[in-house]
PDB file of N, CA and C in Angstrom:
ATOM      1  N   MET A   1       7.660  34.466   7.243  1.00  0.00           N
ATOM      2  CA  MET A   1       6.994  32.659   7.287  1.00  0.00           C
ATOM      3  C   MET A   1       5.832  32.288   6.541  1.00  0.00           C
ATOM      4  N   PRO A   2       6.412  30.906   6.180  1.00  0.00           N
ATOM      5  CA  PRO A   2       4.424  30.824   4.891  1.00  0.00           C
ATOM      6  C   PRO A   2       3.816  30.574   5.878  1.00  0.00           C
ATOM      7  N   ASN A   3       2.584  30.639   4.978  1.00  0.00           N
ATOM      8  CA  ASN A   3       1.011  30.113   5.863  1.00  0.00           C
ATOM      9  C   ASN A   3       1.292  28.987   6.266  1.00  0.00           C
ATOM     10  N   GLN A   4       0.349  27.942   6.936  1.00  0.00           N
ATOM     11  CA  GLN A   4       0.412  26.799   7.323  1.00  0.00           C
ATOM     12  C   GLN A   4       0.127  26.307   6.366  1.00  0.00           C
ATOM     13  N   GLY A   5      -1.362  26.412   5.292  1.00  0.00           N
ATOM     14  CA  GLY A   5      -1.806  25.373   3.782  1.00  0.00           C
ATOM     15  C   GLY A   5      -0.246  25.144   3.196  1.00  0.00           C
ATOM     16  N   THR A   6       1.082  26.427   2.907  1.00  0.00           N
ATOM     17  CA  THR A   6       1.722  26.139   2.128  1.00  0.00           C
ATOM     18  C   THR A   6       3.030  25.373   2.252  1.00  0.00           C
ATOM     19  N   LEU A   7       3.598  25.703   4.014  1.00  0.00           N
ATOM     20  CA  LEU A   7       3.661  24.698   4.604  1.00  0.00           C
ATOM     21  C   LEU A   7       3.705  23.106   4.677  1.00  0.00           C
ATOM     22  N   ALA A   8       1.980  23.437   4.772  1.00  0.00           N
ATOM     23  CA  ALA A   8       1.780  21.900   4.760  1.00  0.00           C
ATOM     24  C   ALA A   8       2.370  20.749   4.084  1.00  0.00           C
ATOM     25  N   TYR A   9       2.124  21.983   2.689  1.00  0.00           N
ATOM     26  CA  TYR A   9       2.193  21.063   1.144  1.00  0.00           C
ATOM     27  C   TYR A   9       3.067  21.024   0.805  1.00  0.00           C
ATOM     28  N   ARG A  10       3.796  21.347   1.593  1.00  0.00           N
ATOM     29  CA  ARG A  10       5.554  21.561   1.048  1.00  0.00           C
ATOM     30  C   ARG A  10       5.895  20.218   1.938  1.00  0.00           C
ATOM     31  N   VAL A  11       5.304  20.382   2.990  1.00  0.00           N
ATOM     32  CA  VAL A  11       5.989  18.841   3.906  1.00  0.00           C
ATOM     33  C   VAL A  11       5.430  17.595   3.412  1.00  0.00           C
ATOM     34  N   GLY A  12       3.878  17.481   3.319  1.00  0.00           N
ATOM     35  CA  GLY A  12       3.323  16.847   2.304  1.00  0.00           C
ATOM     36  C   GLY A  12       4.062  15.537   1.312  1.00  0.00           C
ATOM     37  N   TRP A  13       4.544  17.031   0.205  1.00  0.00           N
ATOM     38  CA  TRP A  13       5.429  15.955  -1.104  1.00  0.00           C
ATOM     39  C   TRP A  13       6.649  15.794  -0.082  1.00  0.00           C
ATOM     40  N   ILE A  14       7.647  16.671   0.452  1.00  0.00           N
ATOM     41  CA  ILE A  14       8.746  16.494   0.782  1.00  0.00           C
ATOM     42  C   ILE A  14       8.761  14.901   1.490  1.00  0.00           C
ATOM     43  N   ALA A  15       7.715  14.482   2.017  1.00  0.00           N
ATOM     44  CA  ALA A  15       7.408  12.944   3.042  1.00  0.00           C
ATOM     45  C   ALA A  15       7.141  12.209   2.202  1.00  0.00           C
ATOM     46  N   PHE A  16       6.337  12.444   0.708  1.00  0.00           N
ATOM     47  CA  PHE A  16       6.244  11.985  -0.151  1.00  0.00           C
ATOM     48  C   PHE A  16       7.752  11.223  -1.021  1.00  0.00           C
ATOM     49  N   VAL A  17       8.152  12.133  -1.004  1.00  0.00           N
ATOM     50  CA  VAL A  17       9.865  11.901  -1.593  1.00  0.00           C
ATOM     51  C   VAL A  17      10.818  11.247  -1.101  1.00  0.00           C
ATOM     52  N   LEU A  18      10.325  11.896   0.822  1.00  0.00           N
ATOM     53  CA  LEU A  18      11.495  10.592   1.139  1.00  0.00           C
ATOM     54  C   LEU A  18      10.443   9.074   2.000  1.00  0.00           C
ATOM     55  N   SER A  19       9.267   9.143   1.239  1.00  0.00           N
ATOM     56  CA  SER A  19       8.645   7.815   1.427  1.00  0.00           C
ATOM     57  C   SER A  19       8.724   6.767   0.339  1.00  0.00           C
ATOM     58  N   VAL A  20       8.989   7.216  -0.742  1.00  0.00           N
ATOM     59  CA  VAL A  20       9.312   6.692  -2.029  1.00  0.00           C
ATOM     60  C   VAL A  20      10.998   6.314  -1.883  1.00  0.00           C
ATOM     61  N   VAL A  21      11.701   7.019  -1.486  1.00  0.00           N
ATOM     62  CA  VAL A  21      13.124   6.286  -0.962  1.00  0.00           C
ATOM     63  C   VAL A  21      13.519   5.023  -0.687  1.00  0.00           C
ATOM     64  N   LEU A  22      12.007   5.249   1.070  1.00  0.00           N
ATOM     65  CA  LEU A  22      11.755   4.206   1.541  1.00  0.00           C
ATOM     66  C   LEU A  22      11.682   3.231   1.309  1.00  0.00           C
ATOM     67  N   TRP A  23      10.686   3.631  -0.192  1.00  0.00           N
ATOM     68  CA  TRP A  23      10.332   1.697  -0.616  1.00  0.00           C
ATOM     69  C   TRP A  23      10.891   1.693  -1.391  1.00  0.00           C
ATOM     70  N   LEU A  24      11.626   2.274  -1.885  1.00  0.00           N
ATOM     71  CA  LEU A  24      12.708   2.209  -3.063  1.00  0.00           C
ATOM     72  C   LEU A  24      13.765   0.996  -2.425  1.00  0.00           C
ATOM     73  N   SER A  25      14.228   0.863  -1.003  1.00  0.00           N
ATOM     74  CA  SER A  25      15.256   0.092  -0.397  1.00  0.00           C
ATOM     75  C   SER A  25      14.161  -1.698  -0.593  1.00  0.00           C
ATOM     76  N   PHE A  26      13.689  -1.121  -0.417  1.00  0.00           N
ATOM     77  CA  PHE A  26      13.066  -3.137  -0.849  1.00  0.00           C
ATOM     78  C   PHE A  26      13.974  -3.415  -1.826  1.00  0.00           C
ATOM     79  N   ALA A  27      14.295  -2.800  -3.426  1.00  0.00           N
ATOM     80  CA  ALA A  27      14.599  -3.188  -4.186  1.00  0.00           C
ATOM     81  C   ALA A  27      15.810  -3.878  -3.613  1.00  0.00           C
ATOM     82  N   ASP A  28      16.742  -3.552  -2.764  1.00  0.00           N
ATOM     83  CA  ASP A  28      18.183  -4.610  -2.661  1.00  0.00           C
ATOM     84  C   ASP A  28      17.702  -5.570  -1.295  1.00  0.00           C
ATOM     85  N   GLN A  29      16.792  -5.768  -1.161  1.00  0.00           N
ATOM     86  CA  GLN A  29      15.915  -6.468  -0.373  1.00  0.00           C
ATOM     87  C   GLN A  29      15.005  -7.950  -1.304  1.00  0.00           C
ATOM     88  N   ILE A  30      14.662  -7.305  -2.403  1.00  0.00           N
ATOM     89  CA  ILE A  30      14.611  -8.330  -3.256  1.00  0.00           C
ATOM     90  C   ILE A  30      15.492  -8.981  -4.801  1.00  0.00           C
ATOM     91  N   ARG A  31      16.791  -8.145  -4.693  1.00  0.00           N
ATOM     92  CA  ARG A  31      17.741  -8.753  -5.196  1.00  0.00           C
ATOM     93  C   ARG A  31      18.242  -9.559  -4.649  1.00  0.00           C
ATOM     94  N   LEU A  32      18.354 -10.165  -3.104  1.00  0.00           N
ATOM     95  CA  LEU A  32      18.781 -10.384  -2.511  1.00  0.00           C
ATOM     96  C   LEU A  32      17.877 -12.239  -2.037  1.00  0.00           C
ATOM     97  N   ASN A  33      16.545 -11.608  -2.744  1.00  0.00           N
ATOM     98  CA  ASN A  33      15.896 -12.710  -2.458  1.00  0.00           C
ATOM     99  C   ASN A  33      16.194 -13.565  -3.552  1.00  0.00           C
ATOM    100  N   LEU A  34      15.841 -12.971  -5.060  1.00  0.00           N
ATOM    101  CA  LEU A  34      16.400 -13.766  -5.987  1.00  0.00           C
ATOM    102  C   LEU A  34      17.548 -14.299  -6.274  1.00  0.00           C
ATOM    103  N   SER A  35      18.553 -13.763  -5.577  1.00  0.00           N
ATOM    104  CA  SER A  35      20.288 -14.516  -5.366  1.00  0.00           C
ATOM    105  C   SER A  35      19.860 -15.800  -4.134  1.00  0.00           C
ATOM    106  N   GLY A  36      19.240 -16.005  -3.657  1.00  0.00           N
ATOM    107  CA  GLY A  36      19.208 -17.428  -2.699  1.00  0.00           C
ATOM    108  C   GLY A  36      19.067 -17.059  -1.424  1.00  0.00           C
ATOM    109  N   HIS A  37      19.542 -15.274  -1.078  1.00  0.00           N
ATOM    110  CA  HIS A  37      19.263 -15.487   0.125  1.00  0.00           C
ATOM    111  C   HIS A  37      17.317 -14.713   0.832  1.00  0.00           C
ATOM    112  N   LYS A  38      17.523 -15.324   1.009  1.00  0.00           N
ATOM    113  CA  LYS A  38      15.892 -15.191   1.038  1.00  0.00           C
ATOM    114  C   LYS A  38      15.697 -14.200   2.165  1.00  0.00           C
ATOM    115  N   GLY A  39      14.439 -13.196   2.333  1.00  0.00           N
ATOM    116  CA  GLY A  39      14.211 -12.855   3.735  1.00  0.00           C
ATOM    117  C   GLY A  39      13.342 -12.842   4.603  1.00  0.00           C
ATOM    118  N   SER A  40      12.565 -12.110   5.513  1.00  0.00           N
ATOM    119  CA  SER A  40      11.213 -12.504   6.006  1.00  0.00           C
ATOM    120  C   SER A  40      10.317 -12.527   5.067  1.00  0.00           C
ATOM    121  N   LEU A  41       9.023 -13.291   5.065  1.00  0.00           N
ATOM    122  CA  LEU A  41       7.263 -13.030   5.244  1.00  0.00           C
ATOM    123  C   LEU A  41       6.740 -11.698   5.413  1.00  0.00           C
ATOM    124  N   ILE A  42       7.484 -12.030   6.971  1.00  0.00           N
ATOM    125  CA  ILE A  42       6.530 -10.810   7.819  1.00  0.00           C
ATOM    126  C   ILE A  42       6.450  -9.827   6.949  1.00  0.00           C
ATOM    127  N   ILE A  43       8.070  -9.438   7.017  1.00  0.00           N
ATOM    128  CA  ILE A  43       7.366  -7.128   6.507  1.00  0.00           C
ATOM    129  C   ILE A  43       7.311  -7.043   5.122  1.00  0.00           C
ATOM    130  N   PRO A  44       7.186  -8.040   4.335  1.00  0.00           N
ATOM    131  CA  PRO A  44       6.930  -6.961   2.827  1.00  0.00           C
ATOM    132  C   PRO A  44       5.214  -7.251   3.595  1.00  0.00           C
ATOM    133  N   TRP A  45       4.370  -8.349   4.002  1.00  0.00           N
ATOM    134  CA  TRP A  45       3.393  -8.230   3.814  1.00  0.00           C
ATOM    135  C   TRP A  45       2.725  -7.478   5.310  1.00  0.00           C
ATOM    136  N   MET A  46       3.267  -6.568   6.175  1.00  0.00           N
ATOM    137  CA  MET A  46       2.895  -6.031   6.334  1.00  0.00           C
ATOM    138  C   MET A  46       2.592  -3.957   6.183  1.00  0.00           C
ATOM    139  N   VAL A  47       3.909  -4.033   5.597  1.00  0.00           N
ATOM    140  CA  VAL A  47       4.189  -3.314   4.760  1.00  0.00           C
ATOM    141  C   VAL A  47       3.321  -3.143   3.152  1.00  0.00           C
ATOM    142  N   VAL A  48       2.680  -3.916   3.254  1.00  0.00           N
ATOM    143  CA  VAL A  48       1.340  -4.343   2.084  1.00  0.00           C
ATOM    144  C   VAL A  48       0.284  -3.903   3.022  1.00  0.00           C
ATOM    145  N   ALA A  49      -0.408  -4.169   3.923  1.00  0.00           N
ATOM    146  CA  ALA A  49      -1.175  -3.542   4.875  1.00  0.00           C
ATOM    147  C   ALA A  49      -1.413  -2.262   4.928  1.00  0.00           C
ATOM    148  N   ASN A  50      -0.100  -2.227   5.460  1.00  0.00           N
ATOM    149  CA  ASN A  50      -0.084  -0.567   5.728  1.00  0.00           C
ATOM    150  C   ASN A  50      -0.181   0.486   4.713  1.00  0.00           C
ATOM    151  N   CYS A  51       0.169  -0.526   3.810  1.00  0.00           N
ATOM    152  CA  CYS A  51       0.507   0.686   2.861  1.00  0.00           C
ATOM    153  C   CYS A  51      -0.595   0.690   2.163  1.00  0.00           C
ATOM    154  N   THR A  52      -2.397  -0.247   1.935  1.00  0.00           N
ATOM    155  CA  THR A  52      -2.834  -0.514   1.708  1.00  0.00           C
ATOM    156  C   THR A  52      -3.991   0.006   2.512  1.00  0.00           C
ATOM    157  N   ALA A  53      -4.383  -0.006   3.770  1.00  0.00           N
ATOM    158  CA  ALA A  53      -4.870   1.375   4.706  1.00  0.00           C
ATOM    159  C   ALA A  53      -4.383   2.701   3.987  1.00  0.00           C
ATOM    160  N   TRP A  54      -3.131   3.080   3.989  1.00  0.00           N
ATOM    161  CA  TRP A  54      -3.419   4.799   3.689  1.00  0.00           C
ATOM    162  C   TRP A  54      -3.062   5.035   2.043  1.00  0.00           C
ATOM    163  N   THR A  55      -3.182   4.383   1.442  1.00  0.00           N
ATOM    164  CA  THR A  55      -3.718   4.815   0.127  1.00  0.00           C
ATOM    165  C   THR A  55      -5.460   4.701  -0.291  1.00  0.00           C
ATOM    166  N   LEU A  56      -5.575   3.801   0.815  1.00  0.00           N
ATOM    167  CA  LEU A  56      -7.467   3.885   0.686  1.00  0.00           C
ATOM    168  C   LEU A  56      -7.066   4.946   1.841  1.00  0.00           C
ATOM    169  N   TYR A  57      -7.413   5.793   2.610  1.00  0.00           N
ATOM    170  CA  TYR A  57      -7.141   6.689   3.405  1.00  0.00           C
ATOM    171  C   TYR A  57      -6.857   7.877   2.631  1.00  0.00           C
ATOM    172  N   GLY A  58      -6.454   8.460   2.352  1.00  0.00           N
ATOM    173  CA  GLY A  58      -5.878   9.359   1.334  1.00  0.00           C
ATOM    174  C   GLY A  58      -6.892   9.703  -0.401  1.00  0.00           C
ATOM    175  N   LEU A  59      -7.141   8.169  -0.634  1.00  0.00           N
ATOM    176  CA  LEU A  59      -8.081   8.565  -1.349  1.00  0.00           C
ATOM    177  C   LEU A  59      -9.692   8.559  -1.400  1.00  0.00           C
ATOM    178  N   TRP A  60      -9.844   8.749   0.204  1.00  0.00           N
ATOM    179  CA  TRP A  60     -11.253   9.015   0.765  1.00  0.00           C
ATOM    180  C   TRP A  60     -11.255   9.594   0.895  1.00  0.00           C
ATOM    181  N   LYS A  61      -9.986  10.466   1.609  1.00  0.00           N
ATOM    182  CA  LYS A  61      -9.796  11.548   2.068  1.00  0.00           C
ATOM    183  C   LYS A  61     -10.693  12.789   1.244  1.00  0.00           C
ATOM    184  N   SER A  62     -11.326  13.809   1.415  1.00  0.00           N
ATOM    185  CA  SER A  62     -12.013  14.838   0.771  1.00  0.00           C
ATOM    186  C   SER A  62     -10.925  16.194   1.046  1.00  0.00           C
ATOM    187  N   PRO A  63     -10.825  17.030   0.572  1.00  0.00           N
ATOM    188  CA  PRO A  63      -9.802  16.464  -0.488  1.00  0.00           C
ATOM    189  C   PRO A  63      -9.101  15.739  -0.811  1.00  0.00           C
ATOM    190  N   ARG A  64      -8.614  14.124  -1.683  1.00  0.00           N
ATOM    191  CA  ARG A  64      -7.965  13.665  -1.576  1.00  0.00           C
ATOM    192  C   ARG A  64      -6.401  14.357  -1.071  1.00  0.00           C
ATOM    193  N   ASP A  65      -5.701  13.201  -0.308  1.00  0.00           N
ATOM    194  CA  ASP A  65      -4.739  13.241   0.093  1.00  0.00           C
ATOM    195  C   ASP A  65      -3.970  12.620  -1.196  1.00  0.00           C
ATOM    196  N   TRP A  66      -3.056  13.424  -1.924  1.00  0.00           N
ATOM    197  CA  TRP A  66      -2.045  12.236  -3.192  1.00  0.00           C
ATOM    198  C   TRP A  66      -1.120  11.947  -2.901  1.00  0.00           C
ATOM    199  N   PRO A  67       0.026  12.812  -1.747  1.00  0.00           N
ATOM    200  CA  PRO A  67       1.069  12.558  -1.352  1.00  0.00           C
ATOM    201  C   PRO A  67       0.974  11.338  -0.457  1.00  0.00           C
ATOM    202  N   VAL A  68      -0.396  11.377   0.056  1.00  0.00           N
ATOM    203  CA  VAL A  68      -0.334  10.243   0.728  1.00  0.00           C
ATOM    204  C   VAL A  68      -0.466   8.576   0.085  1.00  0.00           C
ATOM    205  N   ALA A  69      -1.670   8.798  -0.854  1.00  0.00           N
ATOM    206  CA  ALA A  69      -1.444   7.814  -1.509  1.00  0.00           C
ATOM    207  C   ALA A  69      -0.850   7.727  -2.663  1.00  0.00           C
ATOM    208  N   LEU A  70      -0.001   8.229  -3.424  1.00  0.00           N
ATOM    209  CA  LEU A  70       1.302   7.691  -4.468  1.00  0.00           C
ATOM    210  C   LEU A  70       2.219   7.451  -3.751  1.00  0.00           C
ATOM    211  N   SER A  71       3.294   7.916  -2.502  1.00  0.00           N
ATOM    212  CA  SER A  71       3.964   6.905  -1.645  1.00  0.00           C
ATOM    213  C   SER A  71       3.318   5.460  -1.870  1.00  0.00           C
ATOM    214  N   ASN A  72       2.687   6.097  -1.691  1.00  0.00           N
ATOM    215  CA  ASN A  72       1.618   4.253  -0.102  1.00  0.00           C
ATOM    216  C   ASN A  72       1.096   3.305  -1.545  1.00  0.00           C
ATOM    217  N   MET A  73       0.935   3.758  -2.280  1.00  0.00           N
ATOM    218  CA  MET A  73       0.907   2.952  -3.720  1.00  0.00           C
ATOM    219  C   MET A  73       2.058   2.573  -4.265  1.00  0.00           C
ATOM    220  N   ILE A  74       3.197   3.152  -4.182  1.00  0.00           N
ATOM    221  CA  ILE A  74       3.937   2.635  -4.506  1.00  0.00           C
ATOM    222  C   ILE A  74       4.926   1.245  -4.108  1.00  0.00           C
ATOM    223  N   GLY A  75       4.796   1.916  -2.483  1.00  0.00           N
ATOM    224  CA  GLY A  75       5.262   0.662  -1.681  1.00  0.00           C
ATOM    225  C   GLY A  75       3.828  -0.915  -1.307  1.00  0.00           C
ATOM    226  N   ILE A  76       2.853  -0.830  -1.917  1.00  0.00           N
ATOM    227  CA  ILE A  76       2.215  -1.592  -1.849  1.00  0.00           C
ATOM    228  C   ILE A  76       2.735  -2.784  -2.695  1.00  0.00           C
ATOM    229  N   VAL A  77       3.175  -1.963  -4.554  1.00  0.00           N
ATOM    230  CA  VAL A  77       3.807  -3.060  -5.285  1.00  0.00           C
ATOM    231  C   VAL A  77       5.476  -3.632  -5.014  1.00  0.00           C
ATOM    232  N   LEU A  78       6.362  -2.663  -4.630  1.00  0.00           N
ATOM    233  CA  LEU A  78       7.587  -3.600  -3.968  1.00  0.00           C
ATOM    234  C   LEU A  78       7.436  -4.071  -2.526  1.00  0.00           C
ATOM    235  N   GLY A  79       6.450  -3.855  -2.031  1.00  0.00           N
ATOM    236  CA  GLY A  79       5.924  -4.183  -0.765  1.00  0.00           C
ATOM    237  C   GLY A  79       5.408  -6.149  -1.302  1.00  0.00           C
ATOM    238  N   LEU A  80       4.341  -6.091  -2.560  1.00  0.00           N
ATOM    239  CA  LEU A  80       4.343  -7.274  -2.891  1.00  0.00           C
ATOM    240  C   LEU A  80       6.055  -7.925  -3.865  1.00  0.00           C
ATOM    241  N   ALA A  81       6.194  -7.441  -4.839  1.00  0.00           N
ATOM    242  CA  ALA A  81       7.495  -7.440  -4.985  1.00  0.00           C
ATOM    243  C   ALA A  81       8.250  -8.371  -3.533  1.00  0.00           C
ATOM    244  N   ALA A  82       8.521  -7.908  -2.811  1.00  0.00           N
ATOM    245  CA  ALA A  82       9.582  -8.583  -2.363  1.00  0.00           C
ATOM    246  C   ALA A  82       8.886  -9.618  -1.264  1.00  0.00           C
ATOM    247  N   GLY A  83       7.618  -9.232  -0.522  1.00  0.00           N
ATOM    248  CA  GLY A  83       6.499 -10.678  -0.848  1.00  0.00           C
ATOM    249  C   GLY A  83       7.366 -11.624  -1.688  1.00  0.00           C
ATOM    250  N   VAL A  84       7.058 -11.947  -2.387  1.00  0.00           N
ATOM    251  CA  VAL A  84       6.931 -13.121  -3.790  1.00  0.00           C
ATOM    252  C   VAL A  84       8.104 -13.247  -3.747  1.00  0.00           C
ATOM    253  N   THR A  85       8.900 -12.002  -4.263  1.00  0.00           N
ATOM    254  CA  THR A  85      10.066 -13.393  -4.184  1.00  0.00           C
ATOM    255  C   THR A  85      11.095 -13.898  -2.786  1.00  0.00           C
ATOM    256  N   ALA A  86      10.417 -13.393  -1.992  1.00  0.00           N
ATOM    257  CA  ALA A  86      11.008 -14.096  -1.118  1.00  0.00           C
ATOM    258  C   ALA A  86      10.259 -15.241  -0.543  1.00  0.00           C
ATOM    259  N   PHE A  87       9.617 -15.474  -1.040  1.00  0.00           N
ATOM    260  CA  PHE A  87       8.325 -17.079  -1.094  1.00  0.00           C
ATOM    261  C   PHE A  87       8.796 -17.727  -2.082  1.00  0.00           C
ATOM    262  N   ILE A  88       9.153 -16.921  -3.251  1.00  0.00           N
ATOM    263  CA  ILE A  88       9.234 -18.428  -4.659  1.00  0.00           C
ATOM    264  C   ILE A  88      10.659 -19.221  -4.599  1.00  0.00           C
TER     265      ILE A  88
END
């Protein structure tokens, strides 16, 4: 059985990949927004707020928690894109 440090490290990066896949699902909502089928403004802006908090946590933690910070940075960008395209 791997030690807890190695296991936690691997699970962290697996969670990172899953988070990126989750945030990429916003691409479909952005496409719909741009084609005239506007979505809700609430969800993307709450995603931006949540991802901003988790990004700050990952960056301010010592040592830095890169999987948390990086995956949530992607969420900020795609959440902003979904929110802006739902608004315009």
